[in-house]
Each structure stands twice: as structure tokens, then as C-alpha cells.
Amino acid sequence: MPGRHSRLLQVLGVGFGLAVIVGNTIGAGIFRAPGQVASHLPDPGLFLAAWAVGGLYALLGALQIAELGTMMPRSGGQYVFSRHALGEYAGFIVGWSDWISTCGSAAAVSIVVGELVGALVPAPGDRTALVAVAVACLFAILQWRGIRGGSLVQNVTSSLKAGAFVVLVVAAFAFGDQAPRQGGAALQSPTGLALATAFVLALQAVIYTYDGWTGVVYFSEEVRQPEKAIPRSLVSGVLAIIAIYLLVNLSLLHVLPMSRLAGEDFAAGAAANAIFGARGGWLLRILMLVSMLSAINAYHLMASRVLFAMSRDGLFSHRAAAVNEGGTPTVALLISAAVALLFIVFGRTFEQVITVLAFFFIANYTLSFVSLFLLRRREPARPRPYRAWGYPWTTALVLFGSVAFLVAAIAGDTRNSVLALLLLAASYPVFRIVRSPKPRRT
């Protein structure tokens, strides 16, 4: 039965905003992406420049999202902005793609946790799915009673994650032997047009690794003083991620020659082995395990808010807008967790779905930046507690970067991009079916 309350609780602070951004963003990508980036840009300066440019894109994007989040402090993520500025169908596209991909991400990370536990604690049989289901259920249960408990879990796990990466960086410089500038055959850096192409390809991997920095706007009406907390959380969260990523990559360059780093599928593992020897793999699995836990908690929190917001606006059953006394949208959480469990049970069959939906990650950013332009023009008198620094130039810059990224994605992965576009075309009949006759308006 739905809880007696039907509103979220405004009890979160900047600390939670920072924690959910770190927890949502830093995942498996930083363990694998450095090798991909180095294979395109086998020069330390260019390698680090790609990570810096990706961080700049995220930071400038955060400034734009901060204006939208303080202008419309409603929980639900970028769905809220797109629906208000572009209409219910655009909101539907953003909301459903975001919700499904977030549920899928929770499943994927839970499976990684199951694999890590299996490697750390060997036992007869494959327990990966069982552990994944248990972990996904555990974090849903921890959030069930209320947002205070869920935020505490997020703060603790994200702090452990950040601390673990700091330990890795310190260990690399304190105990790792400095790698020679080149080990083995020297790699030639591209030049001219080839360099521009390589930089774009490297940025694709980098930007995917930064994805997740919008975390706090999923909880906009739950943070105290959103006009201050949202911009502070976004900026401090992105800066923290940039710092962690640059330090991790500097530590990789310290212990691994570029020829070893380039093309390495698991660069962090190679670095851990170089630092700790035979114990490196075991210690790195612990680091990954800690890193994954905060992501699962964040995914559950975020997915439930997206579904709650859509239900409140009439784009899903109104029952999913029920909130208990602790401020948890329990029905939305239950449905989101159930979808994540289905993804886990079906295993690798959902990977194609997530790959296709990944196309919408940057598409959603693009729609948010377009929304900012439209709302500045259409609602100039609406209160804006925070205004995007550098508008319209910074907004145009990140919008151009997002469009360029989408074009590159279509060119580089045409098959999945076409599937995403077909999914978009097929979504309109579904939208007409699920749309309530009298949706609530903001």
C-alpha cells in the first residue's frame, strides 16, 4: 500500500550531492579507458590533454545544468528540463531512456561485483548471478526506509571510493618504480588530420568515463537550499572527478611506459602488478569492489527518482509516485530494482540494449543544453537563482561538442546508432499509450 505521504523530503546537503556525483561517475571506466586513450594518443602530453579536455566539457556542462536545476528544483534528472522546455514527448524519451539505462547500469555493476567476489573468494560453481542479485537487493533494502539512510550509505561508500583511489595514487608514486619514457619500441604520435581524428576517438572514451556528473539534479527538490547546493555540488563534484582522473592517469604514466599502457585492456591492473607484484591483482579487485558499491547505491537512488517524476507527471502509473514517510518513492524503487534484477537474470542478453541506449546519454545532454537556450528566450523573467557562467558562449560550446560527439558515434558505431534511432521512432506509439489523459504540469 502506498505510504501516507506523497512528497519527497528536503533533507540532503552539498555533501550528498558531491557523494552521488562521485559514486555515479567513477566506475569501471577509469580502470579500462586509459589504455584505449593511450592507443589513440601515445604521447604523455596528448594523453593527459584528452583527459583535461573531457573534464572541461563536463565542467562547462555542469554550469549549464546548474542553471536548469536551480530554475526548476524538481527531482527526476534531465527529464524535468526536457519535458518543461520541449514538451511531454521529449521528456518521455529522455526519462525512459535514462531510467532503463540506469537500471541496466545497476545490473551491469552488480554483475561485476559478483565476478569480483568470485575472484576474491573462490568457491565451487559460478555464483556471479547469485551475488549480483543479493547485492542489488541489499542496496534497495537499505534505501527502503528513507532517504536519510540511502544518503548515509552513499556518503560512506563514495568516501571509501575516493580514499581508495588516493591510496592507489600515493602507492604508485611512493612504491612504484618510475617507468622509462619508452619501454620497447617507441610509438609514433599521429600528426595533422590523423591527430585530430585520434583526439576525437580518444575523447569518446574519456567522455563516457566522465558520464554521470549530473547526479545531484536527480534530487533537486530533496536538497536544502537548492539554489546554492546544486551549483556547489555540480562544480565541486566535477572538479573532484577531474582531479582523481588526472592523478590516476599520472600514476599510470609513472609506473608504465607508454608502449605498455597503449592498448592495455586493464591498465589499472597492469599498474597494480607493477607496484605490488603478485599481490597487485588482489588489491586492485578490492579497490574495484569498493568502487562498484557506491555506484549501485547511486543507480538505485537515481532510477527511482526518474520513474517517480514521470509518474507524478502522468507518464507512468500514478501509483509509482507514492512516497513513504522516510521520503523514499517505494513503488518506483521496487519497480526499478525489479528491472535491474531482470537484467541480471538474463545476463548478457541485455548488453545490446544498454549499448543502444548509450547513444541517448549524450543526446540527453544535448537536449538539456537546447532547453537552456529555449528557456532563456521563452521565459526571460523566470527567477534564475544561478545563471550559467559564460552564457551563451559556454552553452554553445558544450552543445557543439555534444552534437559532434553524436555525429562521431553514428559514424563509429552505425549499427547501434541506427537501432537507437529506430527505437526513437517506435517510442511515439508507446508514449501515446502510457500517457495519462490529464498529466500534471509544472
Protein backbone atom coordinates (compact mmCIF):
# COMPACT_ATOMS: atom_id res chain seq x y z
CA MET A 1 0.00 0.00 0.00
CA PRO A 2 1.39 3.44 -0.80
CA GLY A 3 2.77 5.48 2.04
CA ARG A 4 0.64 8.19 3.63
CA HIS A 5 2.97 10.88 2.36
CA SER A 6 3.26 11.79 -1.30
CA ARG A 7 6.20 14.15 -1.20
CA LEU A 8 9.94 13.87 -1.08
CA LEU A 9 11.84 15.20 1.95
CA GLN A 10 14.15 18.18 1.66
CA VAL A 11 16.92 16.85 3.90
CA LEU A 12 20.01 16.49 1.67
CA GLY A 13 23.04 18.74 1.56
CA VAL A 14 26.07 19.54 -0.57
CA GLY A 15 27.93 16.55 0.86
CA PHE A 16 25.35 14.16 -0.54
CA GLY A 17 25.40 15.96 -3.89
CA LEU A 18 29.15 15.51 -4.08
CA ALA A 19 28.89 11.87 -2.98
CA VAL A 20 26.24 10.91 -5.53
CA ILE A 21 28.20 12.57 -8.36
CA VAL A 22 31.41 10.75 -7.41
CA GLY A 23 29.56 7.49 -6.80
CA ASN A 24 27.62 7.67 -10.05
CA THR A 25 30.52 8.76 -12.26
CA ILE A 26 33.60 6.86 -11.16
CA GLY A 27 33.10 3.22 -12.08
CA ALA A 28 34.72 0.64 -14.30
CA GLY A 29 35.61 3.19 -16.98
CA ILE A 30 38.69 4.59 -15.28
CA PHE A 31 40.12 1.08 -14.98
CA ARG A 32 39.85 0.41 -18.72
CA ALA A 33 39.66 3.70 -20.63
CA PRO A 34 43.31 4.82 -20.13
CA GLY A 35 44.55 2.02 -22.38
CA GLN A 36 42.09 2.99 -25.10
CA VAL A 37 43.05 6.66 -24.88
CA ALA A 38 46.77 5.86 -24.93
CA SER A 39 46.35 3.68 -28.02
CA HIS A 40 45.00 6.70 -29.90
CA LEU A 41 47.36 9.25 -28.33
CA PRO A 42 50.66 7.52 -27.43
CA ASP A 43 52.21 10.72 -26.14
CA PRO A 44 52.04 11.63 -22.41
CA GLY A 45 51.16 15.26 -23.08
CA LEU A 46 48.40 14.49 -25.57
CA PHE A 47 47.17 11.63 -23.38
CA LEU A 48 46.71 13.93 -20.38
CA ALA A 49 45.31 16.69 -22.59
CA ALA A 50 42.46 14.41 -23.66
CA TRP A 51 41.52 13.79 -20.03
CA ALA A 52 41.72 17.52 -19.30
CA VAL A 53 39.53 18.41 -22.30
CA GLY A 54 36.97 15.79 -21.29
CA GLY A 55 36.94 17.26 -17.80
CA LEU A 56 36.47 20.75 -19.22
CA TYR A 57 33.46 19.54 -21.23
CA ALA A 58 31.95 18.09 -18.04
CA LEU A 59 32.68 21.25 -16.06
CA LEU A 60 31.16 23.59 -18.65
CA GLY A 61 28.19 21.25 -18.96
CA ALA A 62 27.76 21.31 -15.18
CA LEU A 63 27.49 25.11 -15.27
CA GLN A 64 24.58 24.86 -17.72
CA ILE A 65 22.80 22.11 -15.78
CA ALA A 66 23.23 24.14 -12.59
CA GLU A 67 21.08 26.92 -14.04
CA LEU A 68 18.36 24.49 -15.10
CA GLY A 69 18.46 22.64 -11.78
CA THR A 70 18.08 25.80 -9.68
CA MET A 71 15.46 27.21 -12.04
CA MET A 72 13.36 24.01 -11.80
CA PRO A 73 14.28 22.32 -8.49
CA ARG A 74 12.29 19.14 -9.07
CA SER A 75 13.71 15.66 -8.64
CA GLY A 76 13.94 13.49 -11.75
CA GLY A 77 17.14 14.44 -13.57
CA GLN A 78 17.31 15.83 -17.08
CA TYR A 79 13.81 14.51 -17.79
CA VAL A 80 12.46 17.53 -15.88
CA PHE A 81 14.21 20.08 -18.11
CA SER A 82 13.37 18.40 -21.40
CA ARG A 83 9.70 17.98 -20.57
CA HIS A 84 9.31 21.58 -19.49
CA ALA A 85 11.19 23.13 -22.42
CA LEU A 86 10.49 20.70 -25.26
CA GLY A 87 7.21 19.04 -24.35
CA GLU A 88 5.99 15.76 -22.94
CA TYR A 89 7.23 13.55 -25.76
CA ALA A 90 10.79 14.83 -25.45
CA GLY A 91 10.53 14.34 -21.70
CA PHE A 92 9.27 10.82 -22.27
CA ILE A 93 12.25 9.98 -24.48
CA VAL A 94 14.76 11.39 -22.00
CA GLY A 95 13.04 9.88 -18.97
CA TRP A 96 12.55 6.36 -20.29
CA SER A 97 16.00 6.07 -21.88
CA ASP A 98 17.57 7.42 -18.69
CA TRP A 99 15.54 5.14 -16.43
CA ILE A 100 16.11 1.94 -18.40
CA SER A 101 19.83 2.59 -18.88
CA THR A 102 20.24 3.40 -15.17
CA CYS A 103 18.50 0.16 -14.19
CA GLY A 104 20.72 -1.67 -16.68
CA SER A 105 23.81 0.01 -15.28
CA ALA A 106 22.84 -1.12 -11.78
CA ALA A 107 22.58 -4.67 -13.12
CA ALA A 108 25.88 -4.49 -15.00
CA VAL A 109 27.79 -3.18 -11.99
CA SER A 110 26.16 -5.78 -9.71
CA ILE A 111 27.39 -8.48 -12.09
CA VAL A 112 30.91 -7.02 -11.91
CA VAL A 113 30.66 -7.18 -8.10
CA GLY A 114 29.65 -10.83 -8.38
CA GLU A 115 32.65 -11.55 -10.58
CA LEU A 116 34.99 -9.74 -8.17
CA VAL A 117 33.65 -11.61 -5.15
CA GLY A 118 34.09 -14.87 -7.05
CA ALA A 119 37.72 -14.00 -7.77
CA LEU A 120 38.44 -12.92 -4.17
CA VAL A 121 36.60 -15.82 -2.50
CA PRO A 122 36.86 -18.86 -4.81
CA ALA A 123 34.15 -21.47 -4.40
CA PRO A 124 32.73 -24.35 -6.45
CA GLY A 125 30.34 -23.28 -9.16
CA ASP A 126 29.61 -19.89 -10.66
CA ARG A 127 28.00 -17.64 -8.04
CA THR A 128 28.20 -14.44 -10.06
CA ALA A 129 24.46 -14.05 -10.70
CA LEU A 130 23.55 -15.03 -7.12
CA VAL A 131 25.93 -12.46 -5.63
CA ALA A 132 24.77 -9.83 -8.12
CA VAL A 133 21.12 -10.37 -7.18
CA ALA A 134 21.96 -10.26 -3.47
CA VAL A 135 23.93 -7.02 -3.79
CA ALA A 136 21.25 -5.29 -5.88
CA CYS A 137 18.57 -6.33 -3.38
CA LEU A 138 20.70 -5.28 -0.41
CA PHE A 139 21.08 -1.70 -1.60
CA ALA A 140 17.37 -1.47 -2.46
CA ILE A 141 16.53 -2.63 1.07
CA LEU A 142 18.95 -0.12 2.60
CA GLN A 143 17.12 2.67 0.78
CA TRP A 144 13.62 1.44 1.50
CA ARG A 145 13.12 3.07 4.90
CA GLY A 146 14.09 6.54 3.78
CA ILE A 147 16.38 8.95 2.01
CA ARG A 148 18.39 9.64 5.16
CA GLY A 149 19.60 6.05 5.24
CA GLY A 150 20.18 5.97 1.50
CA SER A 151 22.17 9.20 1.61
CA LEU A 152 24.27 7.91 4.51
CA VAL A 153 25.16 4.79 2.52
CA GLN A 154 26.04 6.97 -0.46
CA ASN A 155 28.25 9.27 1.61
CA VAL A 156 30.13 6.37 3.20
CA THR A 157 30.65 4.31 0.05
CA SER A 158 31.68 7.31 -2.06
CA SER A 159 34.16 8.41 0.61
CA LEU A 160 35.65 4.92 0.66
CA LYS A 161 35.89 5.01 -3.13
CA ALA A 162 37.68 8.36 -3.22
CA GLY A 163 40.00 7.26 -0.41
CA ALA A 164 40.85 4.03 -2.21
CA PHE A 165 41.88 5.92 -5.35
CA VAL A 166 44.01 8.29 -3.27
CA VAL A 167 45.77 5.27 -1.75
CA LEU A 168 46.40 3.86 -5.24
CA VAL A 169 47.90 7.15 -6.46
CA VAL A 170 50.09 7.58 -3.38
CA ALA A 171 51.27 3.97 -3.61
CA ALA A 172 52.18 4.42 -7.28
CA PHE A 173 54.49 7.34 -6.54
CA ALA A 174 55.76 6.01 -3.20
CA PHE A 175 56.40 2.36 -4.07
CA GLY A 176 56.27 2.11 -7.86
CA ASP A 177 59.46 2.29 -9.87
CA GLN A 178 59.43 5.09 -12.39
CA ALA A 179 58.84 3.69 -15.85
CA PRO A 180 61.24 4.54 -18.64
CA ARG A 181 59.92 7.10 -21.10
CA GLN A 182 59.64 4.30 -23.63
CA GLY A 183 59.63 0.59 -22.99
CA GLY A 184 60.17 -1.50 -26.07
CA ALA A 185 59.53 0.01 -29.47
CA ALA A 186 58.76 3.71 -29.41
CA LEU A 187 55.25 4.62 -30.51
CA GLN A 188 54.74 7.35 -33.07
CA SER A 189 52.15 10.00 -32.30
CA PRO A 190 49.79 10.92 -35.16
CA THR A 191 50.09 14.30 -36.82
CA GLY A 192 47.88 16.57 -38.92
CA LEU A 193 44.42 15.27 -39.75
CA ALA A 194 45.25 11.89 -38.25
CA LEU A 195 45.95 13.61 -34.93
CA ALA A 196 42.57 15.37 -35.00
CA THR A 197 40.82 12.07 -35.71
CA ALA A 198 42.75 10.28 -32.96
CA PHE A 199 41.93 13.03 -30.47
CA VAL A 200 38.21 12.75 -31.23
CA LEU A 201 38.31 8.96 -30.82
CA ALA A 202 40.19 9.33 -27.54
CA LEU A 203 37.65 11.89 -26.33
CA GLN A 204 34.83 9.42 -26.92
CA ALA A 205 36.34 7.06 -24.35
CA VAL A 206 37.12 9.94 -21.98
CA ILE A 207 33.64 11.50 -22.11
CA TYR A 208 31.97 8.15 -21.49
CA THR A 209 34.20 7.79 -18.43
CA TYR A 210 33.10 11.23 -17.16
CA ASP A 211 29.43 10.48 -17.76
CA GLY A 212 27.36 10.70 -14.58
CA TRP A 213 28.28 14.17 -13.34
CA THR A 214 24.61 15.29 -13.36
CA GLY A 215 23.85 13.07 -10.35
CA VAL A 216 22.63 15.76 -7.94
CA VAL A 217 19.84 17.06 -10.22
CA TYR A 218 18.01 13.77 -9.75
CA PHE A 219 17.36 15.02 -6.19
CA SER A 220 16.82 18.74 -6.79
CA GLU A 221 13.75 19.08 -4.56
CA GLU A 222 15.36 16.98 -1.83
CA VAL A 223 18.44 19.16 -1.25
CA ARG A 224 18.29 22.02 1.20
CA GLN A 225 18.75 25.45 -0.37
CA PRO A 226 18.89 24.07 -3.92
CA GLU A 227 19.87 27.50 -5.29
CA LYS A 228 23.21 27.04 -3.50
CA ALA A 229 23.55 23.28 -3.08
CA ILE A 230 23.04 22.30 -6.73
CA PRO A 231 25.73 24.57 -8.25
CA ARG A 232 28.18 23.81 -5.44
CA SER A 233 27.62 20.06 -5.75
CA LEU A 234 27.95 20.06 -9.52
CA VAL A 235 31.10 22.18 -9.65
CA SER A 236 32.84 20.55 -6.67
CA GLY A 237 31.83 17.07 -7.87
CA VAL A 238 33.18 17.58 -11.39
CA LEU A 239 36.39 19.17 -10.08
CA ALA A 240 36.88 16.23 -7.71
CA ILE A 241 36.43 13.75 -10.57
CA ILE A 242 38.84 15.69 -12.81
CA ALA A 243 41.42 15.67 -10.03
CA ILE A 244 41.01 11.93 -9.40
CA TYR A 245 41.18 11.04 -13.09
CA LEU A 246 44.24 13.18 -13.76
CA LEU A 247 46.05 11.84 -10.69
CA VAL A 248 45.22 8.25 -11.58
CA ASN A 249 46.49 8.75 -15.12
CA LEU A 250 49.64 10.47 -13.88
CA SER A 251 50.26 7.49 -11.60
CA LEU A 252 49.76 5.12 -14.55
CA LEU A 253 52.31 7.08 -16.58
CA HIS A 254 54.69 6.95 -13.62
CA VAL A 255 54.80 3.15 -13.42
CA LEU A 256 54.02 2.08 -17.00
CA PRO A 257 55.83 3.06 -20.20
CA MET A 258 53.52 4.46 -22.85
CA SER A 259 54.14 1.45 -25.08
CA ARG A 260 52.80 -0.78 -22.29
CA LEU A 261 49.87 1.48 -21.43
CA ALA A 262 48.69 1.89 -25.04
CA GLY A 263 46.10 -0.75 -25.87
CA GLU A 264 46.15 -2.25 -22.36
CA ASP A 265 42.65 -3.58 -21.71
CA PHE A 266 43.06 -3.27 -17.95
CA ALA A 267 45.59 -0.50 -17.38
CA ALA A 268 44.91 -0.17 -13.66
CA GLY A 269 45.58 -3.90 -13.22
CA ALA A 270 48.90 -3.66 -15.04
CA ALA A 271 49.86 -0.72 -12.85
CA ALA A 272 48.87 -2.55 -9.67
CA ASN A 273 51.03 -5.51 -10.66
CA ALA A 274 53.93 -3.15 -11.34
CA ILE A 275 53.51 -1.56 -7.90
CA PHE A 276 52.62 -4.52 -5.68
CA GLY A 277 53.83 -7.52 -7.65
CA ALA A 278 51.86 -10.72 -7.18
CA ARG A 279 49.51 -9.05 -4.68
CA GLY A 280 48.56 -6.35 -7.17
CA GLY A 281 45.65 -8.22 -8.71
CA TRP A 282 44.12 -9.00 -5.31
CA LEU A 283 44.45 -5.41 -4.07
CA LEU A 284 43.03 -4.00 -7.29
CA ARG A 285 39.98 -6.24 -7.07
CA ILE A 286 39.31 -4.84 -3.61
CA LEU A 287 39.63 -1.31 -4.99
CA MET A 288 37.20 -2.14 -7.79
CA LEU A 289 34.78 -3.77 -5.37
CA VAL A 290 34.71 -0.65 -3.18
CA SER A 291 34.31 1.49 -6.29
CA MET A 292 31.35 -0.50 -7.59
CA LEU A 293 29.31 -0.47 -4.37
CA SER A 294 28.76 3.29 -4.32
CA ALA A 295 27.70 3.15 -7.98
CA ILE A 296 24.98 0.56 -7.30
CA ASN A 297 23.54 2.65 -4.47
CA ALA A 298 23.57 5.76 -6.67
CA TYR A 299 21.88 3.96 -9.57
CA HIS A 300 19.02 2.76 -7.35
CA LEU A 301 18.53 6.24 -5.91
CA MET A 302 18.55 7.89 -9.34
CA ALA A 303 16.39 5.36 -11.20
CA SER A 304 13.65 5.58 -8.59
CA ARG A 305 13.59 9.39 -8.86
CA VAL A 306 13.24 9.34 -12.64
CA LEU A 307 10.31 6.91 -12.52
CA PHE A 308 8.75 8.85 -9.63
CA ALA A 309 8.93 12.12 -11.58
CA MET A 310 7.44 10.59 -14.72
CA SER A 311 4.63 9.01 -12.70
CA ARG A 312 3.88 12.30 -10.98
CA ASP A 313 3.61 13.94 -14.40
CA GLY A 314 1.30 11.28 -15.83
CA LEU A 315 3.82 9.42 -18.00
CA PHE A 316 3.59 6.22 -15.95
CA SER A 317 1.16 4.75 -13.42
CA HIS A 318 0.37 7.27 -10.69
CA ARG A 319 0.99 4.54 -8.11
CA ALA A 320 4.73 4.86 -8.72
CA ALA A 321 4.54 8.41 -7.35
CA ALA A 322 3.83 7.07 -3.83
CA VAL A 323 6.40 8.15 -1.22
CA ASN A 324 6.74 6.71 2.26
CA GLU A 325 7.31 8.64 5.49
CA GLY A 326 11.08 8.38 5.06
CA GLY A 327 10.96 10.16 1.70
CA THR A 328 11.54 7.08 -0.48
CA PRO A 329 9.41 6.58 -3.61
CA THR A 330 8.90 2.94 -2.65
CA VAL A 331 6.89 1.73 -5.66
CA ALA A 332 9.32 3.38 -8.08
CA LEU A 333 12.24 1.85 -6.16
CA LEU A 334 10.62 -1.58 -6.21
CA ILE A 335 9.95 -1.45 -9.95
CA SER A 336 13.45 -0.11 -10.71
CA ALA A 337 15.11 -2.80 -8.61
CA ALA A 338 12.95 -5.47 -10.25
CA VAL A 339 14.03 -4.32 -13.72
CA ALA A 340 17.66 -4.41 -12.62
CA LEU A 341 17.16 -7.96 -11.35
CA LEU A 342 15.63 -8.98 -14.69
CA PHE A 343 18.70 -7.62 -16.45
CA ILE A 344 20.91 -9.66 -14.12
CA VAL A 345 18.92 -12.85 -14.64
CA PHE A 346 19.01 -12.53 -18.41
CA GLY A 347 22.72 -11.87 -18.21
CA ARG A 348 24.45 -10.86 -21.40
CA THR A 349 21.25 -10.62 -23.41
CA PHE A 350 20.73 -7.07 -22.10
CA GLU A 351 24.15 -5.81 -23.20
CA GLN A 352 22.82 -4.92 -26.65
CA VAL A 353 20.03 -2.87 -25.06
CA ILE A 354 22.48 -0.91 -22.92
CA THR A 355 24.80 -0.35 -25.88
CA VAL A 356 21.94 1.08 -27.90
CA LEU A 357 20.72 3.25 -25.03
CA ALA A 358 24.24 4.62 -24.53
CA PHE A 359 23.55 6.69 -27.64
CA PHE A 360 20.99 8.63 -25.59
CA PHE A 361 23.48 9.64 -22.86
CA ILE A 362 24.93 12.47 -24.90
CA ALA A 363 21.62 13.04 -26.69
CA ASN A 364 20.08 13.84 -23.30
CA TYR A 365 22.84 16.35 -22.58
CA THR A 366 22.20 17.88 -25.99
CA LEU A 367 18.51 18.34 -25.24
CA SER A 368 19.32 19.91 -21.87
CA PHE A 369 21.61 22.48 -23.47
CA VAL A 370 18.97 23.23 -26.12
CA SER A 371 16.44 23.62 -23.29
CA LEU A 372 18.62 26.26 -21.68
CA PHE A 373 18.66 28.31 -24.88
CA LEU A 374 14.90 27.95 -25.32
CA LEU A 375 14.02 28.85 -21.75
CA ARG A 376 16.30 31.89 -21.72
CA ARG A 377 14.36 33.13 -24.74
CA ARG A 378 10.88 31.95 -23.80
CA GLU A 379 10.89 32.65 -20.06
CA PRO A 380 13.30 35.55 -19.55
CA ALA A 381 11.53 36.77 -16.40
CA ARG A 382 11.54 33.41 -14.61
CA PRO A 383 13.69 33.51 -11.46
CA ARG A 384 17.14 32.05 -12.02
CA PRO A 385 18.99 31.76 -8.70
CA TYR A 386 22.08 30.71 -10.65
CA ARG A 387 22.98 31.77 -14.18
CA ALA A 388 25.34 29.71 -16.32
CA TRP A 389 28.76 31.34 -16.45
CA GLY A 390 29.71 32.46 -19.95
CA TYR A 391 26.24 32.05 -21.48
CA PRO A 392 25.64 31.87 -24.44
CA TRP A 393 29.22 31.04 -25.46
CA THR A 394 29.88 28.24 -22.99
CA THR A 395 26.42 26.80 -23.69
CA ALA A 396 27.05 26.89 -27.43
CA LEU A 397 30.46 25.27 -26.93
CA VAL A 398 29.17 22.27 -24.99
CA LEU A 399 26.18 21.98 -27.32
CA PHE A 400 28.52 21.88 -30.31
CA GLY A 401 30.68 19.30 -28.52
CA SER A 402 27.63 17.15 -27.80
CA VAL A 403 26.41 17.28 -31.40
CA ALA A 404 29.91 16.50 -32.68
CA PHE A 405 30.08 13.55 -30.28
CA LEU A 406 26.74 12.22 -31.59
CA VAL A 407 27.92 12.53 -35.18
CA ALA A 408 31.13 10.68 -34.30
CA ALA A 409 29.12 7.99 -32.50
CA ILE A 410 26.90 7.47 -35.55
CA ALA A 411 29.94 7.25 -37.82
CA GLY A 412 31.87 4.98 -35.48
CA ASP A 413 29.03 2.68 -34.41
CA THR A 414 26.48 2.97 -37.19
CA ARG A 415 24.63 -0.23 -36.37
CA ASN A 416 23.79 0.61 -32.76
CA SER A 417 23.13 4.26 -33.64
CA VAL A 418 20.59 3.21 -36.27
CA LEU A 419 18.97 0.87 -33.74
CA ALA A 420 18.75 3.80 -31.32
CA LEU A 421 17.07 5.94 -33.96
CA LEU A 422 14.63 3.14 -34.77
CA LEU A 423 13.89 2.82 -31.07
CA LEU A 424 13.23 6.55 -31.01
CA ALA A 425 10.78 6.25 -33.91
CA ALA A 426 8.99 3.32 -32.26
CA SER A 427 8.68 5.16 -28.96
CA TYR A 428 5.87 7.52 -30.02
CA PRO A 429 3.09 4.88 -30.06
CA VAL A 430 4.28 3.74 -26.62
CA PHE A 431 4.18 7.34 -25.43
CA ARG A 432 0.57 7.68 -26.57
CA ILE A 433 -0.38 4.50 -24.71
CA VAL A 434 1.24 5.26 -21.36
CA ARG A 435 0.40 8.97 -21.28
CA SER A 436 -2.37 9.73 -18.81
CA PRO A 437 -5.32 11.76 -20.07
CA LYS A 438 -4.68 14.63 -17.65
CA PRO A 439 -0.97 14.86 -16.79
CA ARG A 440 0.07 17.35 -14.17
CA ARG A 441 2.02 20.32 -15.36
CA THR A 442 4.86 22.16 -13.71
